Amino acid sequence: MSIEFRHINLAYLEHVTEGDRAMQRDLLNVLVRELQTDIPALRAHLDAGRWRELADLSHRLRSSLAFAGNERVTWVDTQIEHLAETEGDRGELPGLLAELEAAVPSLVAELQVAAAAP
């Protein structure tokens, strides 16, 4: 794929799929759906103080985020999981989740372009 992106890097996706565009499209579309549903679910878990659910969903999302290739977003997600799992100070969670929520529209837009590319 020769499209230049600012928020995603699909090198890992291309490697894993061995260039299979149909498989790439499927995975990109799944990731878009997950981002559109899982990020609001993360917010609901955080707001309700459901730490185990927050950690579990964050962990599951990270494996999908690898395909987007955005290191910062993956790092933020990892921090959310870690803080949700610990009994310590969870005061950073709202800011981290807000950063993730702010990044999603750009990620989704580029993932949709990538999925639609020939």
PDB file of N, CA and C in Angstrom:
ATOM      1  N   MET A   1       0.862  -1.171   0.000  1.00  0.00           N
ATOM      2  CA  MET A   1       0.000   0.000   0.000  1.00  0.00           C
ATOM      3  C   MET A   1       0.904   1.228   0.000  1.00  0.00           C
ATOM      4  N   SER A   2       0.692   2.149  -0.912  1.00  0.00           N
ATOM      5  CA  SER A   2       1.599   3.286  -1.065  1.00  0.00           C
ATOM      6  C   SER A   2       1.032   4.588  -0.491  1.00  0.00           C
ATOM      7  N   ILE A   3      -0.044   4.536   0.247  1.00  0.00           N
ATOM      8  CA  ILE A   3      -0.641   5.731   0.832  1.00  0.00           C
ATOM      9  C   ILE A   3       0.172   6.127   2.062  1.00  0.00           C
ATOM     10  N   GLU A   4       0.425   7.432   2.205  1.00  0.00           N
ATOM     11  CA  GLU A   4       1.134   7.943   3.375  1.00  0.00           C
ATOM     12  C   GLU A   4       0.123   8.295   4.464  1.00  0.00           C
ATOM     13  N   PHE A   5       0.372   7.806   5.670  1.00  0.00           N
ATOM     14  CA  PHE A   5      -0.505   8.084   6.806  1.00  0.00           C
ATOM     15  C   PHE A   5       0.277   8.802   7.896  1.00  0.00           C
ATOM     16  N   ARG A   6      -0.432   9.585   8.698  1.00  0.00           N
ATOM     17  CA  ARG A   6       0.189  10.296   9.818  1.00  0.00           C
ATOM     18  C   ARG A   6      -0.022   9.581  11.143  1.00  0.00           C
ATOM     19  N   HIS A   7      -1.105   8.823  11.264  1.00  0.00           N
ATOM     20  CA  HIS A   7      -1.475   8.266  12.558  1.00  0.00           C
ATOM     21  C   HIS A   7      -1.387   6.750  12.638  1.00  0.00           C
ATOM     22  N   ILE A   8      -1.202   6.106  11.523  1.00  0.00           N
ATOM     23  CA  ILE A   8      -1.075   4.651  11.526  1.00  0.00           C
ATOM     24  C   ILE A   8       0.149   4.243  10.715  1.00  0.00           C
ATOM     25  N   ASN A   9       0.640   3.054  11.015  1.00  0.00           N
ATOM     26  CA  ASN A   9       1.746   2.454  10.277  1.00  0.00           C
ATOM     27  C   ASN A   9       1.372   0.992  10.088  1.00  0.00           C
ATOM     28  N   LEU A  10       1.119   0.606   8.876  1.00  0.00           N
ATOM     29  CA  LEU A  10       0.584  -0.728   8.599  1.00  0.00           C
ATOM     30  C   LEU A  10       1.644  -1.770   8.269  1.00  0.00           C
ATOM     31  N   ALA A  11       2.909  -1.479   8.590  1.00  0.00           N
ATOM     32  CA  ALA A  11       3.983  -2.419   8.282  1.00  0.00           C
ATOM     33  C   ALA A  11       3.760  -3.771   8.957  1.00  0.00           C
ATOM     34  N   TYR A  12       3.357  -3.769  10.223  1.00  0.00           N
ATOM     35  CA  TYR A  12       3.117  -5.027  10.929  1.00  0.00           C
ATOM     36  C   TYR A  12       1.946  -5.784  10.299  1.00  0.00           C
ATOM     37  N   LEU A  13       0.888  -5.080   9.982  1.00  0.00           N
ATOM     38  CA  LEU A  13      -0.267  -5.706   9.332  1.00  0.00           C
ATOM     39  C   LEU A  13       0.140  -6.335   8.007  1.00  0.00           C
ATOM     40  N   GLU A  14       0.907  -5.608   7.219  1.00  0.00           N
ATOM     41  CA  GLU A  14       1.349  -6.134   5.926  1.00  0.00           C
ATOM     42  C   GLU A  14       2.231  -7.359   6.104  1.00  0.00           C
ATOM     43  N   HIS A  15       3.070  -7.332   7.139  1.00  0.00           N
ATOM     44  CA  HIS A  15       3.931  -8.486   7.409  1.00  0.00           C
ATOM     45  C   HIS A  15       3.106  -9.708   7.818  1.00  0.00           C
ATOM     46  N   VAL A  16       2.202  -9.517   8.758  1.00  0.00           N
ATOM     47  CA  VAL A  16       1.402 -10.626   9.283  1.00  0.00           C
ATOM     48  C   VAL A  16       0.510 -11.233   8.205  1.00  0.00           C
ATOM     49  N   THR A  17      -0.038 -10.395   7.338  1.00  0.00           N
ATOM     50  CA  THR A  17      -0.945 -10.889   6.301  1.00  0.00           C
ATOM     51  C   THR A  17      -0.220 -11.291   5.025  1.00  0.00           C
ATOM     52  N   GLU A  18       1.094 -11.098   5.010  1.00  0.00           N
ATOM     53  CA  GLU A  18       1.914 -11.417   3.832  1.00  0.00           C
ATOM     54  C   GLU A  18       1.360 -10.755   2.579  1.00  0.00           C
ATOM     55  N   GLY A  19       0.866  -9.516   2.758  1.00  0.00           N
ATOM     56  CA  GLY A  19       0.389  -8.741   1.619  1.00  0.00           C
ATOM     57  C   GLY A  19      -1.000  -9.103   1.121  1.00  0.00           C
ATOM     58  N   ASP A  20      -1.702  -9.962   1.797  1.00  0.00           N
ATOM     59  CA  ASP A  20      -3.044 -10.376   1.386  1.00  0.00           C
ATOM     60  C   ASP A  20      -4.025  -9.233   1.651  1.00  0.00           C
ATOM     61  N   ARG A  21      -4.413  -8.507   0.597  1.00  0.00           N
ATOM     62  CA  ARG A  21      -5.268  -7.322   0.748  1.00  0.00           C
ATOM     63  C   ARG A  21      -6.643  -7.652   1.313  1.00  0.00           C
ATOM     64  N   ALA A  22      -7.203  -8.778   0.933  1.00  0.00           N
ATOM     65  CA  ALA A  22      -8.516  -9.151   1.466  1.00  0.00           C
ATOM     66  C   ALA A  22      -8.436  -9.338   2.979  1.00  0.00           C
ATOM     67  N   MET A  23      -7.407 -10.009   3.439  1.00  0.00           N
ATOM     68  CA  MET A  23      -7.233 -10.210   4.871  1.00  0.00           C
ATOM     69  C   MET A  23      -6.958  -8.876   5.572  1.00  0.00           C
ATOM     70  N   GLN A  24      -6.165  -8.025   4.940  1.00  0.00           N
ATOM     71  CA  GLN A  24      -5.892  -6.710   5.520  1.00  0.00           C
ATOM     72  C   GLN A  24      -7.176  -5.909   5.672  1.00  0.00           C
ATOM     73  N   ARG A  25      -7.988  -5.900   4.637  1.00  0.00           N
ATOM     74  CA  ARG A  25      -9.269  -5.177   4.705  1.00  0.00           C
ATOM     75  C   ARG A  25     -10.137  -5.693   5.847  1.00  0.00           C
ATOM     76  N   ASP A  26     -10.210  -7.008   5.956  1.00  0.00           N
ATOM     77  CA  ASP A  26     -11.014  -7.599   7.027  1.00  0.00           C
ATOM     78  C   ASP A  26     -10.508  -7.164   8.401  1.00  0.00           C
ATOM     79  N   LEU A  27      -9.210  -7.253   8.609  1.00  0.00           N
ATOM     80  CA  LEU A  27      -8.638  -6.882   9.899  1.00  0.00           C
ATOM     81  C   LEU A  27      -8.795  -5.390  10.184  1.00  0.00           C
ATOM     82  N   LEU A  28      -8.620  -4.567   9.164  1.00  0.00           N
ATOM     83  CA  LEU A  28      -8.794  -3.126   9.345  1.00  0.00           C
ATOM     84  C   LEU A  28     -10.239  -2.788   9.697  1.00  0.00           C
ATOM     85  N   ASN A  29     -11.183  -3.432   9.039  1.00  0.00           N
ATOM     86  CA  ASN A  29     -12.592  -3.186   9.339  1.00  0.00           C
ATOM     87  C   ASN A  29     -12.964  -3.659  10.742  1.00  0.00           C
ATOM     88  N   VAL A  30     -12.401  -4.771  11.163  1.00  0.00           N
ATOM     89  CA  VAL A  30     -12.630  -5.246  12.534  1.00  0.00           C
ATOM     90  C   VAL A  30     -12.069  -4.233  13.532  1.00  0.00           C
ATOM     91  N   LEU A  31     -10.873  -3.738  13.266  1.00  0.00           N
ATOM     92  CA  LEU A  31     -10.260  -2.761  14.162  1.00  0.00           C
ATOM     93  C   LEU A  31     -11.098  -1.487  14.252  1.00  0.00           C
ATOM     94  N   VAL A  32     -11.602  -1.015  13.138  1.00  0.00           N
ATOM     95  CA  VAL A  32     -12.468   0.172  13.148  1.00  0.00           C
ATOM     96  C   VAL A  32     -13.681  -0.076  14.037  1.00  0.00           C
ATOM     97  N   ARG A  33     -14.333  -1.204  13.853  1.00  0.00           N
ATOM     98  CA  ARG A  33     -15.513  -1.526  14.683  1.00  0.00           C
ATOM     99  C   ARG A  33     -15.151  -1.613  16.159  1.00  0.00           C
ATOM    100  N   GLU A  34     -14.023  -2.259  16.439  1.00  0.00           N
ATOM    101  CA  GLU A  34     -13.599  -2.385  17.837  1.00  0.00           C
ATOM    102  C   GLU A  34     -13.330  -1.018  18.457  1.00  0.00           C
ATOM    103  N   LEU A  35     -12.638  -0.159  17.736  1.00  0.00           N
ATOM    104  CA  LEU A  35     -12.355   1.170  18.274  1.00  0.00           C
ATOM    105  C   LEU A  35     -13.648   1.932  18.535  1.00  0.00           C
ATOM    106  N   GLN A  36     -14.603   1.794  17.649  1.00  0.00           N
ATOM    107  CA  GLN A  36     -15.860   2.534  17.794  1.00  0.00           C
ATOM    108  C   GLN A  36     -16.715   2.006  18.936  1.00  0.00           C
ATOM    109  N   THR A  37     -16.541   0.760  19.318  1.00  0.00           N
ATOM    110  CA  THR A  37     -17.334   0.211  20.427  1.00  0.00           C
ATOM    111  C   THR A  37     -16.528   0.076  21.718  1.00  0.00           C
ATOM    112  N   ASP A  38     -15.265  -0.298  21.607  1.00  0.00           N
ATOM    113  CA  ASP A  38     -14.474  -0.571  22.806  1.00  0.00           C
ATOM    114  C   ASP A  38     -14.041   0.689  23.552  1.00  0.00           C
ATOM    115  N   ILE A  39     -13.782   1.772  22.847  1.00  0.00           N
ATOM    116  CA  ILE A  39     -13.369   2.998  23.541  1.00  0.00           C
ATOM    117  C   ILE A  39     -14.510   3.519  24.421  1.00  0.00           C
ATOM    118  N   PRO A  40     -15.736   3.608  23.931  1.00  0.00           N
ATOM    119  CA  PRO A  40     -16.828   3.994  24.837  1.00  0.00           C
ATOM    120  C   PRO A  40     -17.015   2.991  25.991  1.00  0.00           C
ATOM    121  N   ALA A  41     -16.781   1.716  25.734  1.00  0.00           N
ATOM    122  CA  ALA A  41     -16.896   0.717  26.799  1.00  0.00           C
ATOM    123  C   ALA A  41     -15.803   0.923  27.846  1.00  0.00           C
ATOM    124  N   LEU A  42     -14.596   1.277  27.407  1.00  0.00           N
ATOM    125  CA  LEU A  42     -13.537   1.598  28.362  1.00  0.00           C
ATOM    126  C   LEU A  42     -13.969   2.747  29.260  1.00  0.00           C
ATOM    127  N   ARG A  43     -14.564   3.775  28.668  1.00  0.00           N
ATOM    128  CA  ARG A  43     -15.037   4.933  29.431  1.00  0.00           C
ATOM    129  C   ARG A  43     -16.096   4.500  30.447  1.00  0.00           C
ATOM    130  N   ALA A  44     -17.014   3.661  30.027  1.00  0.00           N
ATOM    131  CA  ALA A  44     -18.062   3.197  30.943  1.00  0.00           C
ATOM    132  C   ALA A  44     -17.458   2.409  32.109  1.00  0.00           C
ATOM    133  N   HIS A  45     -16.486   1.551  31.834  1.00  0.00           N
ATOM    134  CA  HIS A  45     -15.829   0.786  32.901  1.00  0.00           C
ATOM    135  C   HIS A  45     -15.084   1.720  33.856  1.00  0.00           C
ATOM    136  N   LEU A  46     -14.379   2.698  33.301  1.00  0.00           N
ATOM    137  CA  LEU A  46     -13.658   3.653  34.144  1.00  0.00           C
ATOM    138  C   LEU A  46     -14.628   4.428  35.025  1.00  0.00           C
ATOM    139  N   ASP A  47     -15.656   4.971  34.424  1.00  0.00           N
ATOM    140  CA  ASP A  47     -16.619   5.783  35.170  1.00  0.00           C
ATOM    141  C   ASP A  47     -17.304   4.988  36.279  1.00  0.00           C
ATOM    142  N   ALA A  48     -17.498   3.690  36.056  1.00  0.00           N
ATOM    143  CA  ALA A  48     -18.165   2.845  37.041  1.00  0.00           C
ATOM    144  C   ALA A  48     -17.184   2.199  38.027  1.00  0.00           C
ATOM    145  N   GLY A  49     -15.880   2.429  37.808  1.00  0.00           N
ATOM    146  CA  GLY A  49     -14.889   1.818  38.695  1.00  0.00           C
ATOM    147  C   GLY A  49     -14.782   0.313  38.545  1.00  0.00           C
ATOM    148  N   ARG A  50     -15.098  -0.186  37.364  1.00  0.00           N
ATOM    149  CA  ARG A  50     -14.993  -1.627  37.092  1.00  0.00           C
ATOM    150  C   ARG A  50     -13.575  -1.912  36.576  1.00  0.00           C
ATOM    151  N   TRP A  51     -12.645  -2.017  37.520  1.00  0.00           N
ATOM    152  CA  TRP A  51     -11.219  -2.092  37.180  1.00  0.00           C
ATOM    153  C   TRP A  51     -10.869  -3.357  36.423  1.00  0.00           C
ATOM    154  N   ARG A  52     -11.388  -4.508  36.830  1.00  0.00           N
ATOM    155  CA  ARG A  52     -11.066  -5.759  36.140  1.00  0.00           C
ATOM    156  C   ARG A  52     -11.550  -5.709  34.696  1.00  0.00           C
ATOM    157  N   GLU A  53     -12.776  -5.232  34.480  1.00  0.00           N
ATOM    158  CA  GLU A  53     -13.317  -5.131  33.124  1.00  0.00           C
ATOM    159  C   GLU A  53     -12.516  -4.136  32.283  1.00  0.00           C
ATOM    160  N   LEU A  54     -12.108  -3.041  32.910  1.00  0.00           N
ATOM    161  CA  LEU A  54     -11.288  -2.042  32.209  1.00  0.00           C
ATOM    162  C   LEU A  54      -9.964  -2.659  31.784  1.00  0.00           C
ATOM    163  N   ALA A  55      -9.313  -3.359  32.691  1.00  0.00           N
ATOM    164  CA  ALA A  55      -8.029  -3.993  32.368  1.00  0.00           C
ATOM    165  C   ALA A  55      -8.183  -5.061  31.293  1.00  0.00           C
ATOM    166  N   ASP A  56      -9.217  -5.888  31.421  1.00  0.00           N
ATOM    167  CA  ASP A  56      -9.427  -6.969  30.447  1.00  0.00           C
ATOM    168  C   ASP A  56      -9.699  -6.421  29.045  1.00  0.00           C
ATOM    169  N   LEU A  57     -10.552  -5.414  28.954  1.00  0.00           N
ATOM    170  CA  LEU A  57     -10.872  -4.850  27.642  1.00  0.00           C
ATOM    171  C   LEU A  57      -9.662  -4.138  27.050  1.00  0.00           C
ATOM    172  N   SER A  58      -8.930  -3.432  27.877  1.00  0.00           N
ATOM    173  CA  SER A  58      -7.725  -2.758  27.409  1.00  0.00           C
ATOM    174  C   SER A  58      -6.714  -3.774  26.877  1.00  0.00           C
ATOM    175  N   HIS A  59      -6.567  -4.886  27.585  1.00  0.00           N
ATOM    176  CA  HIS A  59      -5.647  -5.942  27.145  1.00  0.00           C
ATOM    177  C   HIS A  59      -6.070  -6.508  25.792  1.00  0.00           C
ATOM    178  N   ARG A  60      -7.344  -6.793  25.650  1.00  0.00           N
ATOM    179  CA  ARG A  60      -7.852  -7.340  24.386  1.00  0.00           C
ATOM    180  C   ARG A  60      -7.682  -6.342  23.248  1.00  0.00           C
ATOM    181  N   LEU A  61      -7.941  -5.080  23.525  1.00  0.00           N
ATOM    182  CA  LEU A  61      -7.826  -4.044  22.503  1.00  0.00           C
ATOM    183  C   LEU A  61      -6.384  -3.885  22.030  1.00  0.00           C
ATOM    184  N   ARG A  62      -5.426  -4.053  22.930  1.00  0.00           N
ATOM    185  CA  ARG A  62      -4.027  -3.855  22.555  1.00  0.00           C
ATOM    186  C   ARG A  62      -3.586  -4.792  21.448  1.00  0.00           C
ATOM    187  N   SER A  63      -4.057  -6.030  21.464  1.00  0.00           N
ATOM    188  CA  SER A  63      -3.655  -6.955  20.398  1.00  0.00           C
ATOM    189  C   SER A  63      -4.164  -6.470  19.042  1.00  0.00           C
ATOM    190  N   SER A  64      -5.325  -5.855  19.012  1.00  0.00           N
ATOM    191  CA  SER A  64      -5.837  -5.295  17.758  1.00  0.00           C
ATOM    192  C   SER A  64      -5.114  -4.014  17.382  1.00  0.00           C
ATOM    193  N   LEU A  65      -4.794  -3.200  18.384  1.00  0.00           N
ATOM    194  CA  LEU A  65      -4.109  -1.936  18.116  1.00  0.00           C
ATOM    195  C   LEU A  65      -2.749  -2.141  17.455  1.00  0.00           C
ATOM    196  N   ALA A  66      -2.143  -3.285  17.673  1.00  0.00           N
ATOM    197  CA  ALA A  66      -0.850  -3.562  17.042  1.00  0.00           C
ATOM    198  C   ALA A  66      -0.943  -3.420  15.528  1.00  0.00           C
ATOM    199  N   PHE A  67      -2.087  -3.766  14.967  1.00  0.00           N
ATOM    200  CA  PHE A  67      -2.252  -3.674  13.512  1.00  0.00           C
ATOM    201  C   PHE A  67      -2.282  -2.221  13.033  1.00  0.00           C
ATOM    202  N   ALA A  68      -2.679  -1.286  13.895  1.00  0.00           N
ATOM    203  CA  ALA A  68      -2.706   0.131  13.518  1.00  0.00           C
ATOM    204  C   ALA A  68      -1.308   0.732  13.518  1.00  0.00           C
ATOM    205  N   GLY A  69      -0.408   0.161  14.296  1.00  0.00           N
ATOM    206  CA  GLY A  69       0.969   0.610  14.277  1.00  0.00           C
ATOM    207  C   GLY A  69       1.192   2.002  14.847  1.00  0.00           C
ATOM    208  N   ASN A  70       0.381   2.435  15.784  1.00  0.00           N
ATOM    209  CA  ASN A  70       0.573   3.736  16.432  1.00  0.00           C
ATOM    210  C   ASN A  70       1.148   3.458  17.813  1.00  0.00           C
ATOM    211  N   GLU A  71       2.448   3.701  17.959  1.00  0.00           N
ATOM    212  CA  GLU A  71       3.137   3.346  19.196  1.00  0.00           C
ATOM    213  C   GLU A  71       2.598   4.097  20.401  1.00  0.00           C
ATOM    214  N   ARG A  72       2.269   5.372  20.245  1.00  0.00           N
ATOM    215  CA  ARG A  72       1.773   6.149  21.376  1.00  0.00           C
ATOM    216  C   ARG A  72       0.432   5.598  21.870  1.00  0.00           C
ATOM    217  N   VAL A  73      -0.474   5.323  20.956  1.00  0.00           N
ATOM    218  CA  VAL A  73      -1.787   4.799  21.333  1.00  0.00           C
ATOM    219  C   VAL A  73      -1.630   3.438  22.013  1.00  0.00           C
ATOM    220  N   THR A  74      -0.753   2.611  21.503  1.00  0.00           N
ATOM    221  CA  THR A  74      -0.522   1.302  22.111  1.00  0.00           C
ATOM    222  C   THR A  74       0.064   1.467  23.510  1.00  0.00           C
ATOM    223  N   TRP A  75       0.991   2.405  23.679  1.00  0.00           N
ATOM    224  CA  TRP A  75       1.580   2.664  24.982  1.00  0.00           C
ATOM    225  C   TRP A  75       0.510   3.152  25.966  1.00  0.00           C
ATOM    226  N   VAL A  76      -0.328   4.082  25.532  1.00  0.00           N
ATOM    227  CA  VAL A  76      -1.396   4.598  26.392  1.00  0.00           C
ATOM    228  C   VAL A  76      -2.312   3.457  26.821  1.00  0.00           C
ATOM    229  N   ASP A  77      -2.693   2.615  25.893  1.00  0.00           N
ATOM    230  CA  ASP A  77      -3.551   1.474  26.211  1.00  0.00           C
ATOM    231  C   ASP A  77      -2.875   0.550  27.227  1.00  0.00           C
ATOM    232  N   THR A  78      -1.577   0.313  27.070  1.00  0.00           N
ATOM    233  CA  THR A  78      -0.828  -0.519  28.008  1.00  0.00           C
ATOM    234  C   THR A  78      -0.846   0.093  29.402  1.00  0.00           C
ATOM    235  N   GLN A  79      -0.684   1.404  29.481  1.00  0.00           N
ATOM    236  CA  GLN A  79      -0.723   2.082  30.778  1.00  0.00           C
ATOM    237  C   GLN A  79      -2.097   1.973  31.427  1.00  0.00           C
ATOM    238  N   ILE A  80      -3.131   2.107  30.621  1.00  0.00           N
ATOM    239  CA  ILE A  80      -4.490   1.960  31.154  1.00  0.00           C
ATOM    240  C   ILE A  80      -4.662   0.569  31.757  1.00  0.00           C
ATOM    241  N   GLU A  81      -4.242  -0.442  31.033  1.00  0.00           N
ATOM    242  CA  GLU A  81      -4.359  -1.808  31.557  1.00  0.00           C
ATOM    243  C   GLU A  81      -3.590  -1.951  32.860  1.00  0.00           C
ATOM    244  N   HIS A  82      -2.350  -1.500  32.874  1.00  0.00           N
ATOM    245  CA  HIS A  82      -1.508  -1.637  34.058  1.00  0.00           C
ATOM    246  C   HIS A  82      -2.120  -0.935  35.270  1.00  0.00           C
ATOM    247  N   LEU A  83      -2.545   0.298  35.097  1.00  0.00           N
ATOM    248  CA  LEU A  83      -3.114   1.050  36.216  1.00  0.00           C
ATOM    249  C   LEU A  83      -4.437   0.453  36.694  1.00  0.00           C
ATOM    250  N   ALA A  84      -5.222  -0.056  35.764  1.00  0.00           N
ATOM    251  CA  ALA A  84      -6.493  -0.675  36.154  1.00  0.00           C
ATOM    252  C   ALA A  84      -6.264  -1.963  36.935  1.00  0.00           C
ATOM    253  N   GLU A  85      -5.166  -2.653  36.657  1.00  0.00           N
ATOM    254  CA  GLU A  85      -4.870  -3.922  37.336  1.00  0.00           C
ATOM    255  C   GLU A  85      -4.309  -3.728  38.740  1.00  0.00           C
ATOM    256  N   THR A  86      -3.689  -2.599  38.985  1.00  0.00           N
ATOM    257  CA  THR A  86      -3.026  -2.389  40.267  1.00  0.00           C
ATOM    258  C   THR A  86      -3.984  -1.801  41.284  1.00  0.00           C
ATOM    259  N   GLU A  87      -3.660  -2.013  42.513  1.00  0.00           N
ATOM    260  CA  GLU A  87      -4.464  -1.470  43.609  1.00  0.00           C
ATOM    261  C   GLU A  87      -4.010  -0.058  43.966  1.00  0.00           C
ATOM    262  N   GLY A  88      -2.994   0.438  43.298  1.00  0.00           N
ATOM    263  CA  GLY A  88      -2.430   1.735  43.641  1.00  0.00           C
ATOM    264  C   GLY A  88      -3.232   2.899  43.091  1.00  0.00           C
ATOM    265  N   ASP A  89      -2.539   4.001  42.895  1.00  0.00           N
ATOM    266  CA  ASP A  89      -3.158   5.244  42.437  1.00  0.00           C
ATOM    267  C   ASP A  89      -3.630   5.110  40.991  1.00  0.00           C
ATOM    268  N   ARG A  90      -4.904   5.300  40.808  1.00  0.00           N
ATOM    269  CA  ARG A  90      -5.484   5.223  39.462  1.00  0.00           C
ATOM    270  C   ARG A  90      -5.816   6.613  38.939  1.00  0.00           C
ATOM    271  N   GLY A  91      -5.222   7.623  39.548  1.00  0.00           N
ATOM    272  CA  GLY A  91      -5.519   9.007  39.193  1.00  0.00           C
ATOM    273  C   GLY A  91      -5.153   9.398  37.773  1.00  0.00           C
ATOM    274  N   GLU A  92      -4.221   8.666  37.158  1.00  0.00           N
ATOM    275  CA  GLU A  92      -3.823   8.972  35.779  1.00  0.00           C
ATOM    276  C   GLU A  92      -4.797   8.416  34.745  1.00  0.00           C
ATOM    277  N   LEU A  93      -5.648   7.494  35.148  1.00  0.00           N
ATOM    278  CA  LEU A  93      -6.534   6.830  34.190  1.00  0.00           C
ATOM    279  C   LEU A  93      -7.421   7.797  33.396  1.00  0.00           C
ATOM    280  N   PRO A  94      -8.071   8.764  34.012  1.00  0.00           N
ATOM    281  CA  PRO A  94      -8.920   9.656  33.216  1.00  0.00           C
ATOM    282  C   PRO A  94      -8.163  10.386  32.106  1.00  0.00           C
ATOM    283  N   GLY A  95      -6.969  10.869  32.401  1.00  0.00           N
ATOM    284  CA  GLY A  95      -6.179  11.569  31.390  1.00  0.00           C
ATOM    285  C   GLY A  95      -5.709  10.651  30.275  1.00  0.00           C
ATOM    286  N   LEU A  96      -5.305   9.450  30.649  1.00  0.00           N
ATOM    287  CA  LEU A  96      -4.871   8.481  29.640  1.00  0.00           C
ATOM    288  C   LEU A  96      -6.024   8.087  28.728  1.00  0.00           C
ATOM    289  N   LEU A  97      -7.174   7.826  29.322  1.00  0.00           N
ATOM    290  CA  LEU A  97      -8.322   7.460  28.500  1.00  0.00           C
ATOM    291  C   LEU A  97      -8.748   8.625  27.619  1.00  0.00           C
ATOM    292  N   ALA A  98      -8.677   9.841  28.131  1.00  0.00           N
ATOM    293  CA  ALA A  98      -9.004  11.013  27.312  1.00  0.00           C
ATOM    294  C   ALA A  98      -8.053  11.125  26.119  1.00  0.00           C
ATOM    295  N   GLU A  99      -6.781  10.807  26.334  1.00  0.00           N
ATOM    296  CA  GLU A  99      -5.818  10.826  25.221  1.00  0.00           C
ATOM    297  C   GLU A  99      -6.188   9.768  24.182  1.00  0.00           C
ATOM    298  N   LEU A 100      -6.557   8.600  24.646  1.00  0.00           N
ATOM    299  CA  LEU A 100      -6.972   7.533  23.734  1.00  0.00           C
ATOM    300  C   LEU A 100      -8.224   7.941  22.963  1.00  0.00           C
ATOM    301  N   GLU A 101      -9.198   8.494  23.667  1.00  0.00           N
ATOM    302  CA  GLU A 101     -10.430   8.943  23.023  1.00  0.00           C
ATOM    303  C   GLU A 101     -10.146  10.025  21.978  1.00  0.00           C
ATOM    304  N   ALA A 102      -9.208  10.913  22.263  1.00  0.00           N
ATOM    305  CA  ALA A 102      -8.873  11.985  21.321  1.00  0.00           C
ATOM    306  C   ALA A 102      -8.183  11.448  20.073  1.00  0.00           C
ATOM    307  N   ALA A 103      -7.449  10.364  20.209  1.00  0.00           N
ATOM    308  CA  ALA A 103      -6.711   9.790  19.072  1.00  0.00           C
ATOM    309  C   ALA A 103      -7.592   8.966  18.148  1.00  0.00           C
ATOM    310  N   VAL A 104      -8.687   8.443  18.661  1.00  0.00           N
ATOM    311  CA  VAL A 104      -9.505   7.500  17.895  1.00  0.00           C
ATOM    312  C   VAL A 104     -10.056   8.073  16.592  1.00  0.00           C
ATOM    313  N   PRO A 105     -10.596   9.278  16.541  1.00  0.00           N
ATOM    314  CA  PRO A 105     -11.129   9.757  15.252  1.00  0.00           C
ATOM    315  C   PRO A 105     -10.092   9.765  14.126  1.00  0.00           C
ATOM    316  N   SER A 106      -8.875  10.184  14.414  1.00  0.00           N
ATOM    317  CA  SER A 106      -7.827  10.186  13.381  1.00  0.00           C
ATOM    318  C   SER A 106      -7.446   8.770  12.985  1.00  0.00           C
ATOM    319  N   LEU A 107      -7.344   7.894  13.973  1.00  0.00           N
ATOM    320  CA  LEU A 107      -7.025   6.496  13.674  1.00  0.00           C
ATOM    321  C   LEU A 107      -8.102   5.869  12.802  1.00  0.00           C
ATOM    322  N   VAL A 108      -9.346   6.042  13.212  1.00  0.00           N
ATOM    323  CA  VAL A 108     -10.457   5.447  12.473  1.00  0.00           C
ATOM    324  C   VAL A 108     -10.496   5.981  11.046  1.00  0.00           C
ATOM    325  N   ALA A 109     -10.317   7.278  10.880  1.00  0.00           N
ATOM    326  CA  ALA A 109     -10.350   7.870   9.538  1.00  0.00           C
ATOM    327  C   ALA A 109      -9.276   7.253   8.648  1.00  0.00           C
ATOM    328  N   GLU A 110      -8.061   7.120   9.162  1.00  0.00           N
ATOM    329  CA  GLU A 110      -6.983   6.556   8.346  1.00  0.00           C
ATOM    330  C   GLU A 110      -7.170   5.053   8.125  1.00  0.00           C
ATOM    331  N   LEU A 111      -7.656   4.358   9.133  1.00  0.00           N
ATOM    332  CA  LEU A 111      -7.918   2.918   8.964  1.00  0.00           C
ATOM    333  C   LEU A 111      -8.984   2.678   7.899  1.00  0.00           C
ATOM    334  N   GLN A 112      -9.992   3.531   7.865  1.00  0.00           N
ATOM    335  CA  GLN A 112     -11.041   3.396   6.848  1.00  0.00           C
ATOM    336  C   GLN A 112     -10.487   3.670   5.450  1.00  0.00           C
ATOM    337  N   VAL A 113      -9.609   4.657   5.326  1.00  0.00           N
ATOM    338  CA  VAL A 113      -8.959   4.914   4.032  1.00  0.00           C
ATOM    339  C   VAL A 113      -8.121   3.709   3.615  1.00  0.00           C
ATOM    340  N   ALA A 114      -7.379   3.171   4.558  1.00  0.00           N
ATOM    341  CA  ALA A 114      -6.529   2.008   4.266  1.00  0.00           C
ATOM    342  C   ALA A 114      -7.375   0.800   3.860  1.00  0.00           C
ATOM    343  N   ALA A 115      -8.501   0.605   4.532  1.00  0.00           N
ATOM    344  CA  ALA A 115      -9.359  -0.533   4.208  1.00  0.00           C
ATOM    345  C   ALA A 115      -9.980  -0.382   2.824  1.00  0.00           C
ATOM    346  N   ALA A 116     -10.258   0.849   2.416  1.00  0.00           N
ATOM    347  CA  ALA A 116     -10.898   1.096   1.126  1.00  0.00           C
ATOM    348  C   ALA A 116      -9.910   1.132  -0.035  1.00  0.00           C
ATOM    349  N   ALA A 117      -8.630   1.214   0.261  1.00  0.00           N
ATOM    350  CA  ALA A 117      -7.614   1.317  -0.802  1.00  0.00           C
ATOM    351  C   ALA A 117      -7.568   0.022  -1.619  1.00  0.00           C
ATOM    352  N   PRO A 118      -7.233   0.165  -2.900  1.00  0.00           N
ATOM    353  CA  PRO A 118      -7.152  -1.031  -3.759  1.00  0.00           C
ATOM    354  C   PRO A 118      -6.007  -1.960  -3.353  1.00  0.00           C
TER     355      PRO A 118
END
